[in-house]
C-alpha atoms as a PDB file:
ATOM      1  CA  MET A   1       8.032  -4.222 -54.038  1.00  0.00           C
ATOM      2  CA  ARG A   2       5.229  -2.549 -56.727  1.00  0.00           C
ATOM      3  CA  LEU A   3       6.892  -2.643 -59.721  1.00  0.00           C
ATOM      4  CA  ILE A   4       7.389  -6.936 -59.688  1.00  0.00           C
ATOM      5  CA  ARG A   5       3.504  -6.886 -58.299  1.00  0.00           C
ATOM      6  CA  ARG A   6       2.597  -5.193 -61.681  1.00  0.00           C
ATOM      7  CA  THR A   7       5.045  -7.628 -64.249  1.00  0.00           C
ATOM      8  CA  LEU A   8       4.007 -10.433 -62.457  1.00  0.00           C
ATOM      9  CA  GLN A   9       0.417  -9.207 -62.922  1.00  0.00           C
ATOM     10  CA  LEU A  10       1.643  -7.974 -67.483  1.00  0.00           C
ATOM     11  CA  LEU A  11       2.233 -11.480 -67.200  1.00  0.00           C
ATOM     12  CA  ALA A  12       0.129 -13.922 -65.909  1.00  0.00           C
ATOM     13  CA  LEU A  13      -2.244 -11.766 -68.112  1.00  0.00           C
ATOM     14  CA  ILE A  14      -0.606 -13.447 -71.443  1.00  0.00           C
ATOM     15  CA  GLN A  15      -2.469 -16.376 -72.703  1.00  0.00           C
ATOM     16  CA  ASP A  16       0.058 -19.032 -72.759  1.00  0.00           C
ATOM     17  CA  SER A  17       1.764 -21.281 -70.292  1.00  0.00           C
ATOM     18  CA  PRO A  18       4.092 -20.644 -67.886  1.00  0.00           C
ATOM     19  CA  ARG A  19       6.949 -21.715 -69.378  1.00  0.00           C
ATOM     20  CA  ARG A  20       6.602 -20.208 -72.441  1.00  0.00           C
ATOM     21  CA  THR A  21       5.561 -16.714 -70.973  1.00  0.00           C
ATOM     22  CA  ALA A  22       9.486 -17.701 -68.107  1.00  0.00           C
ATOM     23  CA  VAL A  23      11.021 -17.710 -71.607  1.00  0.00           C
ATOM     24  CA  ALA A  24       9.337 -14.948 -73.328  1.00  0.00           C
ATOM     25  CA  PHE A  25      10.230 -12.196 -70.136  1.00  0.00           C
ATOM     26  CA  SER A  26      13.837 -13.607 -70.254  1.00  0.00           C
ATOM     27  CA  LEU A  27      15.225 -13.933 -73.554  1.00  0.00           C
ATOM     28  CA  GLY A  28      13.987  -9.470 -72.733  1.00  0.00           C
ATOM     29  CA  VAL A  29      15.098  -9.761 -69.726  1.00  0.00           C
ATOM     30  CA  PHE A  30      18.870 -10.206 -72.285  1.00  0.00           C
ATOM     31  CA  LEU A  31      18.388  -8.023 -74.950  1.00  0.00           C
ATOM     32  CA  GLY A  32      17.396  -5.346 -72.413  1.00  0.00           C
ATOM     33  CA  PHE A  33      20.553  -5.489 -70.331  1.00  0.00           C
ATOM     34  CA  SER A  34      22.803  -6.818 -74.042  1.00  0.00           C
ATOM     35  CA  PRO A  35      24.646  -3.529 -75.298  1.00  0.00           C
ATOM     36  CA  LEU A  36      22.266  -3.529 -78.509  1.00  0.00           C
ATOM     37  CA  ILE A  37      20.849  -0.998 -76.621  1.00  0.00           C
ATOM     38  CA  GLY A  38      18.736   0.855 -79.487  1.00  0.00           C
ATOM     39  CA  ILE A  39      17.298  -1.737 -81.279  1.00  0.00           C
ATOM     40  CA  HIS A  40      16.798  -4.026 -78.828  1.00  0.00           C
ATOM     41  CA  THR A  41      12.679  -3.394 -79.140  1.00  0.00           C
ATOM     42  CA  PHE A  42      12.380  -4.551 -83.101  1.00  0.00           C
ATOM     43  CA  LEU A  43      14.908  -7.046 -81.810  1.00  0.00           C
ATOM     44  CA  GLY A  44      12.664  -8.426 -79.530  1.00  0.00           C
ATOM     45  CA  LEU A  45       9.590  -8.352 -81.764  1.00  0.00           C
ATOM     46  CA  PHE A  46      11.422 -10.143 -84.208  1.00  0.00           C
ATOM     47  CA  LEU A  47      12.842 -12.617 -81.843  1.00  0.00           C
ATOM     48  CA  ALA A  48       8.908 -13.411 -80.295  1.00  0.00           C
ATOM     49  CA  TYR A  49       7.978 -13.359 -83.556  1.00  0.00           C
ATOM     50  CA  ALA A  50      10.904 -15.900 -85.558  1.00  0.00           C
ATOM     51  CA  PHE A  51      10.217 -18.585 -82.474  1.00  0.00           C
ATOM     52  CA  ARG A  52       6.012 -17.821 -81.581  1.00  0.00           C
ATOM     53  CA  LEU A  53       6.692 -16.522 -78.505  1.00  0.00           C
ATOM     54  CA  SER A  54       5.036 -13.845 -76.183  1.00  0.00           C
ATOM     55  CA  LYS A  55       5.116  -9.967 -77.680  1.00  0.00           C
ATOM     56  CA  VAL A  56       3.893  -8.549 -74.225  1.00  0.00           C
ATOM     57  CA  GLY A  57       6.325 -11.516 -72.524  1.00  0.00           C
ATOM     58  CA  VAL A  58       9.649 -10.713 -74.201  1.00  0.00           C
ATOM     59  CA  LEU A  59       8.853  -6.347 -73.997  1.00  0.00           C
ATOM     60  CA  VAL A  60       8.133  -6.357 -70.637  1.00  0.00           C
ATOM     61  CA  GLY A  61      11.537  -8.443 -70.408  1.00  0.00           C
ATOM     62  CA  VAL A  62      12.897  -5.871 -72.870  1.00  0.00           C
ATOM     63  CA  TYR A  63      11.733  -3.226 -70.410  1.00  0.00           C
ATOM     64  CA  MET A  64      12.790  -3.949 -67.688  1.00  0.00           C
ATOM     65  CA  ASN A  65      16.002  -2.022 -67.769  1.00  0.00           C
ATOM     66  CA  SER A  66      15.052   1.534 -67.297  1.00  0.00           C
ATOM     67  CA  PRO A  67      16.239   4.609 -68.568  1.00  0.00           C
ATOM     68  CA  TRP A  68      16.862   5.434 -64.708  1.00  0.00           C
ATOM     69  CA  LEU A  69      19.222   2.563 -64.498  1.00  0.00           C
ATOM     70  CA  ILE A  70      20.473   2.685 -67.968  1.00  0.00           C
ATOM     71  CA  VAL A  71      23.772   5.643 -66.471  1.00  0.00           C
ATOM     72  CA  PRO A  72      24.629   2.808 -63.801  1.00  0.00           C
ATOM     73  CA  TYR A  73      24.632  -0.245 -65.291  1.00  0.00           C
ATOM     74  CA  TYR A  74      26.779   0.659 -68.248  1.00  0.00           C
ATOM     75  CA  GLY A  75      28.976   1.713 -66.219  1.00  0.00           C
ATOM     76  CA  PHE A  76      29.083  -1.305 -64.127  1.00  0.00           C
ATOM     77  CA  ALA A  77      29.582  -3.209 -67.014  1.00  0.00           C
ATOM     78  CA  THR A  78      31.641  -1.056 -68.113  1.00  0.00           C
ATOM     79  CA  TRP A  79      33.266  -1.395 -65.835  1.00  0.00           C
ATOM     80  CA  PHE A  80      32.858  -5.607 -64.831  1.00  0.00           C
ATOM     81  CA  GLY A  81      34.665  -5.762 -68.632  1.00  0.00           C
ATOM     82  CA  VAL A  82      38.155  -3.992 -67.980  1.00  0.00           C
ATOM     83  CA  LYS A  83      38.285  -5.725 -64.768  1.00  0.00           C
ATOM     84  CA  ILE A  84      37.753  -8.824 -66.716  1.00  0.00           C
ATOM     85  CA  THR A  85      39.703  -7.952 -69.959  1.00  0.00           C
ATOM     86  CA  GLY A  86      42.364  -4.930 -68.000  1.00  0.00           C
ATOM     87  CA  MET A  87      42.738  -2.419 -68.824  1.00  0.00           C
ATOM     88  CA  PRO A  88      42.946  -1.144 -72.485  1.00  0.00           C
ATOM     89  CA  GLU A  89      46.181   0.905 -73.227  1.00  0.00           C
ATOM     90  CA  GLY A  90      45.831   4.163 -72.950  1.00  0.00           C
ATOM     91  CA  THR A  91      42.798   4.281 -71.757  1.00  0.00           C
ATOM     92  CA  ARG A  92      42.212   7.022 -69.195  1.00  0.00           C
ATOM     93  CA  LEU A  93      38.511   7.031 -67.002  1.00  0.00           C
ATOM     94  CA  PRO A  94      36.412  10.155 -66.447  1.00  0.00           C
ATOM     95  CA  HIS A  95      36.501  10.285 -61.606  1.00  0.00           C
ATOM     96  CA  MET A  96      33.198  12.113 -62.196  1.00  0.00           C
ATOM     97  CA  SER A  97      30.023  12.305 -59.570  1.00  0.00           C
ATOM     98  CA  LEU A  98      27.368  10.318 -60.728  1.00  0.00           C
ATOM     99  CA  SER A  99      25.521  14.138 -61.090  1.00  0.00           C
ATOM    100  CA  GLN A 100      28.163  15.653 -63.520  1.00  0.00           C
ATOM    101  CA  MET A 101      28.089  11.650 -65.926  1.00  0.00           C
ATOM    102  CA  PHE A 102      24.599  12.999 -66.460  1.00  0.00           C
ATOM    103  CA  ALA A 103      26.415  15.123 -68.577  1.00  0.00           C
ATOM    104  CA  TRP A 104      27.637  15.650 -72.342  1.00  0.00           C
ATOM    105  CA  GLU A 105      31.486  16.002 -71.567  1.00  0.00           C
ATOM    106  CA  PHE A 106      31.019  13.247 -69.641  1.00  0.00           C
ATOM    107  CA  TRP A 107      30.321  10.377 -72.863  1.00  0.00           C
ATOM    108  CA  GLN A 108      31.980  12.541 -75.000  1.00  0.00           C
ATOM    109  CA  ASN A 109      35.500  12.026 -72.829  1.00  0.00           C
ATOM    110  CA  LEU A 110      33.406   8.300 -73.279  1.00  0.00           C
ATOM    111  CA  PHE A 111      32.596   7.652 -75.907  1.00  0.00           C
ATOM    112  CA  GLU A 112      36.383   8.777 -77.651  1.00  0.00           C
ATOM    113  CA  GLN A 113      37.821   6.572 -76.146  1.00  0.00           C
ATOM    114  CA  TYR A 114      36.721   3.306 -78.327  1.00  0.00           C
ATOM    115  CA  HIS A 115      39.534   1.366 -76.402  1.00  0.00           C
ATOM    116  CA  LEU A 116      36.309   0.727 -73.601  1.00  0.00           C
ATOM    117  CA  LEU A 117      33.873  -0.484 -76.486  1.00  0.00           C
ATOM    118  CA  PHE A 118      34.975  -4.285 -75.967  1.00  0.00           C
ATOM    119  CA  PRO A 119      35.161  -4.348 -72.226  1.00  0.00           C
ATOM    120  CA  ALA A 120      31.112  -2.777 -72.362  1.00  0.00           C
ATOM    121  CA  ALA A 121      30.195  -5.543 -74.754  1.00  0.00           C
ATOM    122  CA  LEU A 122      31.550  -7.947 -73.146  1.00  0.00           C
ATOM    123  CA  GLY A 123      30.519  -6.387 -68.977  1.00  0.00           C
ATOM    124  CA  SER A 124      27.023  -6.293 -70.278  1.00  0.00           C
ATOM    125  CA  THR A 125      26.739 -10.074 -72.267  1.00  0.00           C
ATOM    126  CA  ILE A 126      28.169 -11.448 -69.442  1.00  0.00           C
ATOM    127  CA  LEU A 127      25.922  -9.350 -67.040  1.00  0.00           C
ATOM    128  CA  ALA A 128      22.844 -10.170 -69.173  1.00  0.00           C
ATOM    129  CA  ILE A 129      23.186 -14.002 -69.672  1.00  0.00           C
ATOM    130  CA  LEU A 130      23.485 -14.161 -66.604  1.00  0.00           C
ATOM    131  CA  PHE A 131      19.813 -11.578 -64.870  1.00  0.00           C
ATOM    132  CA  ALA A 132      17.820 -13.975 -68.680  1.00  0.00           C
ATOM    133  CA  LEU A 133      18.787 -17.711 -66.145  1.00  0.00           C
ATOM    134  CA  LEU A 134      18.424 -15.572 -63.182  1.00  0.00           C
ATOM    135  CA  SER A 135      15.199 -13.882 -64.127  1.00  0.00           C
ATOM    136  CA  TYR A 136      13.541 -17.482 -65.440  1.00  0.00           C
ATOM    137  CA  PRO A 137      12.959 -19.605 -62.931  1.00  0.00           C
ATOM    138  CA  ILE A 138      12.291 -16.860 -60.905  1.00  0.00           C
ATOM    139  CA  ALA A 139       9.188 -15.711 -63.541  1.00  0.00           C
ATOM    140  CA  LEU A 140       8.179 -19.900 -63.645  1.00  0.00           C
ATOM    141  CA  HIS A 141       8.007 -20.021 -59.913  1.00  0.00           C
ATOM    142  CA  ALA A 142       5.687 -16.722 -59.758  1.00  0.00           C
ATOM    143  CA  LEU A 143       4.145 -16.938 -63.124  1.00  0.00           C
ATOM    144  CA  ARG A 144       2.856 -21.403 -61.632  1.00  0.00           C
ATOM    145  CA  LYS A 145       2.507 -19.766 -57.528  1.00  0.00           C
ATOM    146  CA  LEU A 146      -0.025 -16.973 -59.599  1.00  0.00           C
ATOM    147  CA  MET A 147      -1.983 -18.995 -61.509  1.00  0.00           C
ATOM    148  CA  SER A 148      -2.171 -22.263 -59.242  1.00  0.00           C
ATOM    149  CA  SER A 149      -3.517 -19.284 -56.533  1.00  0.00           C
ATOM    150  CA  ARG A 150      -6.205 -17.875 -59.700  1.00  0.00           C
ATOM    151  CA  ARG A 151      -7.496 -21.350 -60.504  1.00  0.00           C
ATOM    152  CA  HIS A 152      -7.641 -22.123 -56.667  1.00  0.00           C
ATOM    153  CA  SER A 153      -9.880 -18.746 -56.135  1.00  0.00           C
ATOM    154  CA  ALA A 154     -12.102 -20.229 -59.139  1.00  0.00           C
ATOM    155  CA  ALA A 155     -12.451 -22.844 -58.066  1.00  0.00           C
ATOM    156  CA  THR A 156     -13.876 -21.711 -54.410  1.00  0.00           C
ATOM    157  CA  ALA A 157     -16.027 -18.814 -56.269  1.00  0.00           C
ATOM    158  CA  LYS A 158     -18.248 -22.111 -57.850  1.00  0.00           C
END
């Protein structure tokens, strides 16, 4: 809950309309959860500049996918993509515990399974679109409510 409150406080500091701030944030959420991991920051800054959106808003959205979420998220996204496309011929998923997923051997084995690249990209793209579509109305509603309460507080203080 504290993370959500802090995120909203950061977004509310942006000197732009709630609608444009919510668009910037949801674009960042899409990029942060997309298969473009590694270039999402640069791509987010480029798109924010190109569409004249808040760079801070986009970056706040991009970094909603934290290092603690990356492994389980992309693991789930790959599983989801495999369920949609079907298991590619010759692919075997390693059976390991969560703690073993952080070991180099797990990732080496996974990268050797190049057949999983398309399902992983498809799964994370679908989930990124879903998260972005969900984040826009939530952020817009919260920002409008927060800004309205700030205006009300400022009016009563006068």
